[in-house]
PDB file of all heavy atoms in Angstrom:
ATOM      1  N   LEU A   1       8.342   6.089  -2.801  1.00  0.00           N
ATOM      2  CA  LEU A   1       8.504   6.654  -1.453  1.00  0.00           C
ATOM      3  C   LEU A   1       9.817   7.412  -1.360  1.00  0.00           C
ATOM      4  O   LEU A   1      10.863   6.915  -1.774  1.00  0.00           O
ATOM      5  CB  LEU A   1       8.470   5.571  -0.369  1.00  0.00           C
ATOM      6  CG  LEU A   1       8.851   5.928   0.995  1.00  0.00           C
ATOM      7  CD1 LEU A   1       7.857   6.904   1.639  1.00  0.00           C
ATOM      8  CD2 LEU A   1       8.953   4.692   1.909  1.00  0.00           C
ATOM      9  N   ARG A   2       9.783   8.622  -0.797  1.00  0.00           N
ATOM     10  CA  ARG A   2      11.031   9.405  -0.632  1.00  0.00           C
ATOM     11  C   ARG A   2      11.126   9.747   0.863  1.00  0.00           C
ATOM     12  O   ARG A   2      10.183  10.251   1.476  1.00  0.00           O
ATOM     13  CB  ARG A   2      11.043  10.695  -1.458  1.00  0.00           C
ATOM     14  CG  ARG A   2      12.265  11.536  -1.235  1.00  0.00           C
ATOM     15  CD  ARG A   2      12.477  12.505  -2.374  1.00  0.00           C
ATOM     16  NE  ARG A   2      11.421  13.470  -2.520  1.00  0.00           N
ATOM     17  CZ  ARG A   2      11.346  14.626  -1.939  1.00  0.00           C
ATOM     18  NH1 ARG A   2      12.326  14.995  -1.068  1.00  0.00           N
ATOM     19  NH2 ARG A   2      10.372  15.479  -2.154  1.00  0.00           N
ATOM     20  N   LEU A   3      12.289   9.415   1.421  1.00  0.00           N
ATOM     21  CA  LEU A   3      12.603   9.707   2.800  1.00  0.00           C
ATOM     22  C   LEU A   3      13.435  10.953   2.972  1.00  0.00           C
ATOM     23  O   LEU A   3      14.467  11.064   2.271  1.00  0.00           O
ATOM     24  CB  LEU A   3      13.285   8.485   3.452  1.00  0.00           C
ATOM     25  CG  LEU A   3      13.672   8.561   4.895  1.00  0.00           C
ATOM     26  CD1 LEU A   3      12.464   8.667   5.768  1.00  0.00           C
ATOM     27  CD2 LEU A   3      14.490   7.315   5.284  1.00  0.00           C
ATOM     28  N   GLU A   4      12.992  11.887   3.785  1.00  0.00           N
ATOM     29  CA  GLU A   4      13.726  13.147   3.952  1.00  0.00           C
ATOM     30  C   GLU A   4      13.901  13.418   5.468  1.00  0.00           C
ATOM     31  O   GLU A   4      12.989  13.271   6.244  1.00  0.00           O
ATOM     32  CB  GLU A   4      12.914  14.295   3.327  1.00  0.00           C
ATOM     33  CG  GLU A   4      13.547  15.653   3.589  1.00  0.00           C
ATOM     34  CD  GLU A   4      12.620  16.785   3.160  1.00  0.00           C
ATOM     35  OE1 GLU A   4      11.412  16.617   2.991  1.00  0.00           O
ATOM     36  OE2 GLU A   4      13.113  17.939   3.064  1.00  0.00           O
ATOM     37  N   ILE A   5      15.119  13.780   5.771  1.00  0.00           N
ATOM     38  CA  ILE A   5      15.445  14.269   7.126  1.00  0.00           C
ATOM     39  C   ILE A   5      15.656  15.792   6.964  1.00  0.00           C
ATOM     40  O   ILE A   5      16.707  16.199   6.466  1.00  0.00           O
ATOM     41  CB  ILE A   5      16.662  13.562   7.774  1.00  0.00           C
ATOM     42  CG1 ILE A   5      16.361  12.087   7.829  1.00  0.00           C
ATOM     43  CG2 ILE A   5      16.930  14.149   9.122  1.00  0.00           C
ATOM     44  CD1 ILE A   5      17.522  11.262   8.310  1.00  0.00           C
ATOM     45  N   ASN A   6      14.673  16.594   7.298  1.00  0.00           N
ATOM     46  CA  ASN A   6      14.710  18.000   7.088  1.00  0.00           C
ATOM     47  C   ASN A   6      15.576  18.668   8.171  1.00  0.00           C
ATOM     48  O   ASN A   6      15.196  18.710   9.365  1.00  0.00           O
ATOM     49  CB  ASN A   6      13.327  18.591   7.091  1.00  0.00           C
ATOM     50  CG  ASN A   6      13.323  20.031   6.533  1.00  0.00           C
ATOM     51  OD1 ASN A   6      13.955  20.904   7.018  1.00  0.00           O
ATOM     52  ND2 ASN A   6      12.464  20.249   5.528  1.00  0.00           N
ATOM     53  N   ASN A   7      16.727  19.218   7.769  1.00  0.00           N
ATOM     54  CA  ASN A   7      17.632  19.882   8.736  1.00  0.00           C
ATOM     55  C   ASN A   7      17.047  21.135   9.302  1.00  0.00           C
ATOM     56  O   ASN A   7      17.415  21.514  10.412  1.00  0.00           O
ATOM     57  CB  ASN A   7      18.960  20.148   8.020  1.00  0.00           C
ATOM     58  CG  ASN A   7      19.682  18.900   7.633  1.00  0.00           C
ATOM     59  OD1 ASN A   7      19.615  17.930   8.335  1.00  0.00           O
ATOM     60  ND2 ASN A   7      20.395  18.947   6.491  1.00  0.00           N
ATOM     61  N   ASP A   8      16.219  21.832   8.540  1.00  0.00           N
ATOM     62  CA  ASP A   8      15.648  23.085   9.034  1.00  0.00           C
ATOM     63  C   ASP A   8      14.596  22.853  10.111  1.00  0.00           C
ATOM     64  O   ASP A   8      14.568  23.502  11.158  1.00  0.00           O
ATOM     65  CB  ASP A   8      15.026  23.892   7.892  1.00  0.00           C
ATOM     66  CG  ASP A   8      16.074  24.393   6.921  1.00  0.00           C
ATOM     67  OD1 ASP A   8      17.240  24.497   7.323  1.00  0.00           O
ATOM     68  OD2 ASP A   8      15.707  24.666   5.756  1.00  0.00           O
ATOM     69  N   THR A   9      13.681  21.932   9.871  1.00  0.00           N
ATOM     70  CA  THR A   9      12.603  21.699  10.806  1.00  0.00           C
ATOM     71  C   THR A   9      12.906  20.532  11.764  1.00  0.00           C
ATOM     72  O   THR A   9      12.121  20.318  12.702  1.00  0.00           O
ATOM     73  CB  THR A   9      11.290  21.381  10.030  1.00  0.00           C
ATOM     74  OG1 THR A   9      11.453  20.178   9.278  1.00  0.00           O
ATOM     75  CG2 THR A   9      10.947  22.545   9.070  1.00  0.00           C
ATOM     76  N   ARG A  10      13.990  19.840  11.475  1.00  0.00           N
ATOM     77  CA  ARG A  10      14.370  18.682  12.306  1.00  0.00           C
ATOM     78  C   ARG A  10      13.274  17.636  12.356  1.00  0.00           C
ATOM     79  O   ARG A  10      12.989  17.043  13.417  1.00  0.00           O
ATOM     80  CB  ARG A  10      14.793  19.123  13.699  1.00  0.00           C
ATOM     81  CG  ARG A  10      16.077  19.940  13.735  1.00  0.00           C
ATOM     82  CD  ARG A  10      16.403  20.455  15.109  1.00  0.00           C
ATOM     83  NE  ARG A  10      15.526  21.526  15.541  1.00  0.00           N
ATOM     84  CZ  ARG A  10      15.623  22.775  15.173  1.00  0.00           C
ATOM     85  NH1 ARG A  10      16.572  23.127  14.376  1.00  0.00           N
ATOM     86  NH2 ARG A  10      14.750  23.673  15.618  1.00  0.00           N
ATOM     87  N   GLN A  11      12.593  17.458  11.179  1.00  0.00           N
ATOM     88  CA  GLN A  11      11.581  16.464  11.107  1.00  0.00           C
ATOM     89  C   GLN A  11      11.971  15.317  10.191  1.00  0.00           C
ATOM     90  O   GLN A  11      12.740  15.509   9.209  1.00  0.00           O
ATOM     91  CB  GLN A  11      10.299  17.117  10.563  1.00  0.00           C
ATOM     92  CG  GLN A  11       9.520  17.943  11.552  1.00  0.00           C
ATOM     93  CD  GLN A  11       8.138  18.320  10.993  1.00  0.00           C
ATOM     94  OE1 GLN A  11       7.985  18.699   9.825  1.00  0.00           O
ATOM     95  NE2 GLN A  11       7.148  18.305  11.853  1.00  0.00           N
ATOM     96  N   LEU A  12      11.438  14.109  10.446  1.00  0.00           N
ATOM     97  CA  LEU A  12      11.598  12.973   9.604  1.00  0.00           C
ATOM     98  C   LEU A  12      10.324  12.917   8.735  1.00  0.00           C
ATOM     99  O   LEU A  12       9.261  12.816   9.254  1.00  0.00           O
ATOM    100  CB  LEU A  12      11.715  11.691  10.441  1.00  0.00           C
ATOM    101  CG  LEU A  12      11.872  10.393   9.670  1.00  0.00           C
ATOM    102  CD1 LEU A  12      13.120  10.373   8.793  1.00  0.00           C
ATOM    103  CD2 LEU A  12      11.898   9.233  10.618  1.00  0.00           C
ATOM    104  N   VAL A  13      10.467  13.054   7.416  1.00  0.00           N
ATOM    105  CA  VAL A  13       9.351  13.229   6.513  1.00  0.00           C
ATOM    106  C   VAL A  13       9.322  12.085   5.489  1.00  0.00           C
ATOM    107  O   VAL A  13      10.333  11.806   4.877  1.00  0.00           O
ATOM    108  CB  VAL A  13       9.395  14.590   5.733  1.00  0.00           C
ATOM    109  CG1 VAL A  13       8.187  14.736   4.880  1.00  0.00           C
ATOM    110  CG2 VAL A  13       9.493  15.760   6.786  1.00  0.00           C
ATOM    111  N   LEU A  14       8.145  11.470   5.376  1.00  0.00           N
ATOM    112  CA  LEU A  14       7.884  10.523   4.321  1.00  0.00           C
ATOM    113  C   LEU A  14       7.105  11.207   3.258  1.00  0.00           C
ATOM    114  O   LEU A  14       6.005  11.716   3.474  1.00  0.00           O
ATOM    115  CB  LEU A  14       7.093   9.320   4.805  1.00  0.00           C
ATOM    116  CG  LEU A  14       7.678   8.496   5.977  1.00  0.00           C
ATOM    117  CD1 LEU A  14       6.732   7.368   6.354  1.00  0.00           C
ATOM    118  CD2 LEU A  14       9.021   7.924   5.574  1.00  0.00           C
ATOM    119  N   TRP A  15       7.651  11.286   2.037  1.00  0.00           N
ATOM    120  CA  TRP A  15       6.957  11.825   0.876  1.00  0.00           C
ATOM    121  C   TRP A  15       6.235  10.665   0.167  1.00  0.00           C
ATOM    122  O   TRP A  15       6.844   9.791  -0.326  1.00  0.00           O
ATOM    123  CB  TRP A  15       7.910  12.550  -0.061  1.00  0.00           C
ATOM    124  CG  TRP A  15       8.386  13.857   0.492  1.00  0.00           C
ATOM    125  CD1 TRP A  15       9.437  14.077   1.346  1.00  0.00           C
ATOM    126  CD2 TRP A  15       7.805  15.157   0.330  1.00  0.00           C
ATOM    127  NE1 TRP A  15       9.580  15.371   1.657  1.00  0.00           N
ATOM    128  CE2 TRP A  15       8.559  16.096   1.040  1.00  0.00           C
ATOM    129  CE3 TRP A  15       6.713  15.582  -0.423  1.00  0.00           C
ATOM    130  CZ2 TRP A  15       8.261  17.428   1.040  1.00  0.00           C
ATOM    131  CZ3 TRP A  15       6.395  16.935  -0.431  1.00  0.00           C
ATOM    132  CH2 TRP A  15       7.166  17.859   0.268  1.00  0.00           C
ATOM    133  N   CYS A  16       4.907  10.772   0.113  1.00  0.00           N
ATOM    134  CA  CYS A  16       4.062   9.631  -0.334  1.00  0.00           C
ATOM    135  C   CYS A  16       3.206  10.068  -1.488  1.00  0.00           C
ATOM    136  O   CYS A  16       3.132  11.218  -1.876  1.00  0.00           O
ATOM    137  CB  CYS A  16       3.196   9.122   0.821  1.00  0.00           C
ATOM    138  SG  CYS A  16       4.140   8.780   2.324  1.00  0.00           S
ATOM    139  N   MET A  17       2.448   9.087  -2.077  1.00  0.00           N
ATOM    140  CA  MET A  17       1.571   9.388  -3.183  1.00  0.00           C
ATOM    141  C   MET A  17       0.233   9.816  -2.821  1.00  0.00           C
ATOM    142  O   MET A  17      -0.496  10.401  -3.637  1.00  0.00           O
ATOM    143  CB  MET A  17       1.511   8.128  -4.107  1.00  0.00           C
ATOM    144  CG  MET A  17       2.815   7.669  -4.674  1.00  0.00           C
ATOM    145  SD  MET A  17       3.725   8.871  -5.639  1.00  0.00           S
ATOM    146  CE  MET A  17       2.555   9.226  -6.907  1.00  0.00           C
ATOM    147  N   GLY A  18      -0.192   9.504  -1.614  1.00  0.00           N
ATOM    148  CA  GLY A  18      -1.524   9.898  -1.158  1.00  0.00           C
ATOM    149  C   GLY A  18      -1.832   9.264   0.155  1.00  0.00           C
ATOM    150  O   GLY A  18      -0.980   8.608   0.752  1.00  0.00           O
ATOM    151  N   GLU A  19      -3.059   9.507   0.642  1.00  0.00           N
ATOM    152  CA  GLU A  19      -3.390   9.027   2.015  1.00  0.00           C
ATOM    153  C   GLU A  19      -3.386   7.504   2.118  1.00  0.00           C
ATOM    154  O   GLU A  19      -3.007   6.942   3.131  1.00  0.00           O
ATOM    155  CB  GLU A  19      -4.775   9.588   2.407  1.00  0.00           C
ATOM    156  CG  GLU A  19      -4.720  11.094   2.733  1.00  0.00           C
ATOM    157  CD  GLU A  19      -6.048  11.614   3.234  1.00  0.00           C
ATOM    158  OE1 GLU A  19      -7.075  11.357   2.514  1.00  0.00           O
ATOM    159  OE2 GLU A  19      -6.070  12.284   4.315  1.00  0.00           O
ATOM    160  N   ALA A  20      -3.902   6.868   1.070  1.00  0.00           N
ATOM    161  CA  ALA A  20      -3.910   5.372   1.089  1.00  0.00           C
ATOM    162  C   ALA A  20      -2.464   4.821   1.136  1.00  0.00           C
ATOM    163  O   ALA A  20      -2.240   3.831   1.798  1.00  0.00           O
ATOM    164  CB  ALA A  20      -4.639   4.831  -0.128  1.00  0.00           C
ATOM    165  N   HIS A  21      -1.586   5.479   0.414  1.00  0.00           N
ATOM    166  CA  HIS A  21      -0.182   5.060   0.450  1.00  0.00           C
ATOM    167  C   HIS A  21       0.388   5.253   1.894  1.00  0.00           C
ATOM    168  O   HIS A  21       1.109   4.364   2.383  1.00  0.00           O
ATOM    169  CB  HIS A  21       0.629   5.936  -0.535  1.00  0.00           C
ATOM    170  CG  HIS A  21       1.987   5.487  -0.803  1.00  0.00           C
ATOM    171  ND1 HIS A  21       2.972   6.317  -1.321  1.00  0.00           N
ATOM    172  CD2 HIS A  21       2.578   4.261  -0.688  1.00  0.00           C
ATOM    173  CE1 HIS A  21       4.080   5.625  -1.507  1.00  0.00           C
ATOM    174  NE2 HIS A  21       3.853   4.384  -1.142  1.00  0.00           N
ATOM    175  N   VAL A  22       0.054   6.355   2.515  1.00  0.00           N
ATOM    176  CA  VAL A  22       0.472   6.576   3.927  1.00  0.00           C
ATOM    177  C   VAL A  22      -0.036   5.463   4.815  1.00  0.00           C
ATOM    178  O   VAL A  22       0.700   4.885   5.633  1.00  0.00           O
ATOM    179  CB  VAL A  22      -0.011   7.939   4.399  1.00  0.00           C
ATOM    180  CG1 VAL A  22       0.327   8.147   5.868  1.00  0.00           C
ATOM    181  CG2 VAL A  22       0.613   9.080   3.560  1.00  0.00           C
ATOM    182  N   ASP A  23      -1.330   5.154   4.683  1.00  0.00           N
ATOM    183  CA  ASP A  23      -1.946   4.110   5.545  1.00  0.00           C
ATOM    184  C   ASP A  23      -1.200   2.793   5.417  1.00  0.00           C
ATOM    185  O   ASP A  23      -0.956   2.067   6.367  1.00  0.00           O
ATOM    186  CB  ASP A  23      -3.404   3.969   5.158  1.00  0.00           C
ATOM    187  CG  ASP A  23      -4.244   5.146   5.583  1.00  0.00           C
ATOM    188  OD1 ASP A  23      -3.768   5.968   6.413  1.00  0.00           O
ATOM    189  OD2 ASP A  23      -5.371   5.277   5.057  1.00  0.00           O
ATOM    190  N   VAL A  24      -0.857   2.400   4.167  1.00  0.00           N
ATOM    191  CA  VAL A  24      -0.184   1.168   3.957  1.00  0.00           C
ATOM    192  C   VAL A  24       1.220   1.162   4.511  1.00  0.00           C
ATOM    193  O   VAL A  24       1.653   0.192   5.185  1.00  0.00           O
ATOM    194  CB  VAL A  24      -0.133   0.812   2.435  1.00  0.00           C
ATOM    195  CG1 VAL A  24       0.848  -0.330   2.144  1.00  0.00           C
ATOM    196  CG2 VAL A  24      -1.512   0.501   1.918  1.00  0.00           C
ATOM    197  N   LEU A  25       1.931   2.275   4.349  1.00  0.00           N
ATOM    198  CA  LEU A  25       3.296   2.353   4.910  1.00  0.00           C
ATOM    199  C   LEU A  25       3.285   2.257   6.416  1.00  0.00           C
ATOM    200  O   LEU A  25       4.134   1.533   7.009  1.00  0.00           O
ATOM    201  CB  LEU A  25       3.964   3.658   4.439  1.00  0.00           C
ATOM    202  CG  LEU A  25       4.266   3.781   2.953  1.00  0.00           C
ATOM    203  CD1 LEU A  25       4.713   5.201   2.607  1.00  0.00           C
ATOM    204  CD2 LEU A  25       5.305   2.752   2.532  1.00  0.00           C
ATOM    205  N   LEU A  26       2.394   3.000   7.065  1.00  0.00           N
ATOM    206  CA  LEU A  26       2.367   2.951   8.520  1.00  0.00           C
ATOM    207  C   LEU A  26       1.892   1.590   9.018  1.00  0.00           C
ATOM    208  O   LEU A  26       2.351   1.081  10.097  1.00  0.00           O
ATOM    209  CB  LEU A  26       1.414   4.072   9.053  1.00  0.00           C
ATOM    210  CG  LEU A  26       1.846   5.524   8.702  1.00  0.00           C
ATOM    211  CD1 LEU A  26       0.909   6.498   9.366  1.00  0.00           C
ATOM    212  CD2 LEU A  26       3.290   5.763   9.088  1.00  0.00           C
ATOM    213  N   ASP A  27       0.974   0.960   8.250  1.00  0.00           N
ATOM    214  CA  ASP A  27       0.527  -0.374   8.621  1.00  0.00           C
ATOM    215  C   ASP A  27       1.716  -1.372   8.542  1.00  0.00           C
ATOM    216  O   ASP A  27       1.879  -2.222   9.417  1.00  0.00           O
ATOM    217  CB  ASP A  27      -0.610  -0.810   7.681  1.00  0.00           C
ATOM    218  CG  ASP A  27      -1.229  -2.138   8.088  1.00  0.00           C
ATOM    219  OD1 ASP A  27      -0.567  -3.152   7.959  1.00  0.00           O
ATOM    220  OD2 ASP A  27      -2.439  -2.141   8.472  1.00  0.00           O
ATOM    221  N   ARG A  28       2.510  -1.267   7.513  1.00  0.00           N
ATOM    222  CA  ARG A  28       3.632  -2.187   7.383  1.00  0.00           C
ATOM    223  C   ARG A  28       4.716  -1.927   8.464  1.00  0.00           C
ATOM    224  O   ARG A  28       5.300  -2.843   8.969  1.00  0.00           O
ATOM    225  CB  ARG A  28       4.272  -2.019   5.989  1.00  0.00           C
ATOM    226  CG  ARG A  28       3.428  -2.710   4.915  1.00  0.00           C
ATOM    227  CD  ARG A  28       3.959  -2.545   3.542  1.00  0.00           C
ATOM    228  NE  ARG A  28       3.111  -3.257   2.598  1.00  0.00           N
ATOM    229  CZ  ARG A  28       3.070  -3.029   1.288  1.00  0.00           C
ATOM    230  NH1 ARG A  28       3.820  -2.031   0.821  1.00  0.00           N
ATOM    231  NH2 ARG A  28       2.286  -3.720   0.502  1.00  0.00           N
ATOM    232  N   LEU A  29       4.938  -0.645   8.814  1.00  0.00           N
ATOM    233  CA  LEU A  29       5.858  -0.371   9.885  1.00  0.00           C
ATOM    234  C   LEU A  29       5.376  -1.050  11.167  1.00  0.00           C
ATOM    235  O   LEU A  29       6.178  -1.637  11.909  1.00  0.00           O
ATOM    236  CB  LEU A  29       5.976   1.154  10.090  1.00  0.00           C
ATOM    237  CG  LEU A  29       6.843   1.936   9.104  1.00  0.00           C
ATOM    238  CD1 LEU A  29       6.729   3.392   9.415  1.00  0.00           C
ATOM    239  CD2 LEU A  29       8.341   1.517   9.224  1.00  0.00           C
ATOM    240  N   ARG A  30       4.085  -0.946  11.417  1.00  0.00           N
ATOM    241  CA  ARG A  30       3.545  -1.456  12.691  1.00  0.00           C
ATOM    242  C   ARG A  30       3.463  -2.958  12.714  1.00  0.00           C
ATOM    243  O   ARG A  30       3.851  -3.629  13.639  1.00  0.00           O
ATOM    244  CB  ARG A  30       2.169  -0.809  12.831  1.00  0.00           C
ATOM    245  CG  ARG A  30       1.461  -1.268  14.171  1.00  0.00           C
ATOM    246  CD  ARG A  30       0.197  -0.449  14.408  1.00  0.00           C
ATOM    247  NE  ARG A  30      -0.726  -0.523  13.222  1.00  0.00           N
ATOM    248  CZ  ARG A  30      -0.970   0.515  12.426  1.00  0.00           C
ATOM    249  NH1 ARG A  30      -0.287   1.660  12.558  1.00  0.00           N
ATOM    250  NH2 ARG A  30      -1.753   0.418  11.399  1.00  0.00           N
ATOM    251  N   ASN A  31       2.907  -3.605  11.643  1.00  0.00           N
ATOM    252  CA  ASN A  31       2.582  -4.982  11.686  1.00  0.00           C
ATOM    253  C   ASN A  31       3.667  -5.872  11.112  1.00  0.00           C
ATOM    254  O   ASN A  31       3.798  -7.032  11.496  1.00  0.00           O
ATOM    255  CB  ASN A  31       1.264  -5.247  10.912  1.00  0.00           C
ATOM    256  CG  ASN A  31       0.065  -4.610  11.651  1.00  0.00           C
ATOM    257  OD1 ASN A  31      -0.285  -4.984  12.716  1.00  0.00           O
ATOM    258  ND2 ASN A  31      -0.566  -3.632  10.972  1.00  0.00           N
ATOM    259  N   ARG A  32       4.467  -5.363  10.110  1.00  0.00           N
ATOM    260  CA  ARG A  32       5.501  -6.191   9.530  1.00  0.00           C
ATOM    261  C   ARG A  32       6.831  -6.010  10.302  1.00  0.00           C
ATOM    262  O   ARG A  32       7.560  -6.993  10.458  1.00  0.00           O
ATOM    263  CB  ARG A  32       5.697  -5.848   8.050  1.00  0.00           C
ATOM    264  CG  ARG A  32       6.728  -6.730   7.363  1.00  0.00           C
ATOM    265  CD  ARG A  32       6.974  -6.289   5.910  1.00  0.00           C
ATOM    266  NE  ARG A  32       5.829  -6.499   5.072  1.00  0.00           N
ATOM    267  CZ  ARG A  32       5.770  -6.188   3.782  1.00  0.00           C
ATOM    268  NH1 ARG A  32       6.857  -5.582   3.243  1.00  0.00           N
ATOM    269  NH2 ARG A  32       4.729  -6.423   3.065  1.00  0.00           N
ATOM    270  N   TYR A  33       7.123  -4.807  10.699  1.00  0.00           N
ATOM    271  CA  TYR A  33       8.437  -4.529  11.344  1.00  0.00           C
ATOM    272  C   TYR A  33       8.336  -4.209  12.827  1.00  0.00           C
ATOM    273  O   TYR A  33       9.350  -3.946  13.449  1.00  0.00           O
ATOM    274  CB  TYR A  33       9.134  -3.385  10.581  1.00  0.00           C
ATOM    275  CG  TYR A  33       9.351  -3.671   9.148  1.00  0.00           C
ATOM    276  CD1 TYR A  33       8.692  -2.954   8.162  1.00  0.00           C
ATOM    277  CD2 TYR A  33      10.195  -4.727   8.712  1.00  0.00           C
ATOM    278  CE1 TYR A  33       8.898  -3.223   6.794  1.00  0.00           C
ATOM    279  CE2 TYR A  33      10.368  -4.995   7.367  1.00  0.00           C
ATOM    280  CZ  TYR A  33       9.719  -4.235   6.420  1.00  0.00           C
ATOM    281  OH  TYR A  33       9.898  -4.520   5.124  1.00  0.00           O
ATOM    282  N   GLY A  34       7.122  -4.166  13.351  1.00  0.00           N
ATOM    283  CA  GLY A  34       6.923  -3.936  14.804  1.00  0.00           C
ATOM    284  C   GLY A  34       7.382  -2.564  15.272  1.00  0.00           C
ATOM    285  O   GLY A  34       7.906  -2.432  16.409  1.00  0.00           O
ATOM    286  N   VAL A  35       7.161  -1.546  14.424  1.00  0.00           N
ATOM    287  CA  VAL A  35       7.599  -0.208  14.799  1.00  0.00           C
ATOM    288  C   VAL A  35       6.348   0.690  14.816  1.00  0.00           C
ATOM    289  O   VAL A  35       5.638   0.831  13.828  1.00  0.00           O
ATOM    290  CB  VAL A  35       8.553   0.360  13.744  1.00  0.00           C
ATOM    291  CG1 VAL A  35       9.012   1.778  14.160  1.00  0.00           C
ATOM    292  CG2 VAL A  35       9.838  -0.547  13.674  1.00  0.00           C
ATOM    293  N   GLU A  36       6.112   1.295  15.974  1.00  0.00           N
ATOM    294  CA  GLU A  36       4.998   2.268  16.119  1.00  0.00           C
ATOM    295  C   GLU A  36       5.532   3.704  15.919  1.00  0.00           C
ATOM    296  O   GLU A  36       6.531   4.080  16.483  1.00  0.00           O
ATOM    297  CB  GLU A  36       4.381   2.178  17.533  1.00  0.00           C
ATOM    298  CG  GLU A  36       3.533   0.946  17.723  1.00  0.00           C
ATOM    299  CD  GLU A  36       2.161   1.056  17.101  1.00  0.00           C
ATOM    300  OE1 GLU A  36       1.793   2.182  16.588  1.00  0.00           O
ATOM    301  OE2 GLU A  36       1.397   0.064  17.081  1.00  0.00           O
ATOM    302  N   VAL A  37       4.843   4.444  15.039  1.00  0.00           N
ATOM    303  CA  VAL A  37       5.218   5.820  14.808  1.00  0.00           C
ATOM    304  C   VAL A  37       3.961   6.669  14.980  1.00  0.00           C
ATOM    305  O   VAL A  37       2.848   6.222  14.829  1.00  0.00           O
ATOM    306  CB  VAL A  37       5.818   6.064  13.431  1.00  0.00           C
ATOM    307  CG1 VAL A  37       7.093   5.268  13.244  1.00  0.00           C
ATOM    308  CG2 VAL A  37       4.858   5.687  12.312  1.00  0.00           C
ATOM    309  N   ASP A  38       4.213   7.971  15.270  1.00  0.00           N
ATOM    310  CA  ASP A  38       3.120   8.933  15.407  1.00  0.00           C
ATOM    311  C   ASP A  38       3.290   9.965  14.277  1.00  0.00           C
ATOM    312  O   ASP A  38       4.431  10.457  14.055  1.00  0.00           O
ATOM    313  CB  ASP A  38       3.210   9.660  16.755  1.00  0.00           C
ATOM    314  CG  ASP A  38       3.014   8.675  17.905  1.00  0.00           C
ATOM    315  OD1 ASP A  38       2.169   7.739  17.803  1.00  0.00           O
ATOM    316  OD2 ASP A  38       3.721   8.811  18.970  1.00  0.00           O
TER     317      ASP A  38
END
């Protein structure tokens, strides 16, 4: 996982391996750490 804060677009970007990787990361944010993201 690579975390990027893009100064040009002012976006917080997660660089992942694929959609399943994304699903797991967002699931862990939500259910393990109690953080909801869009």
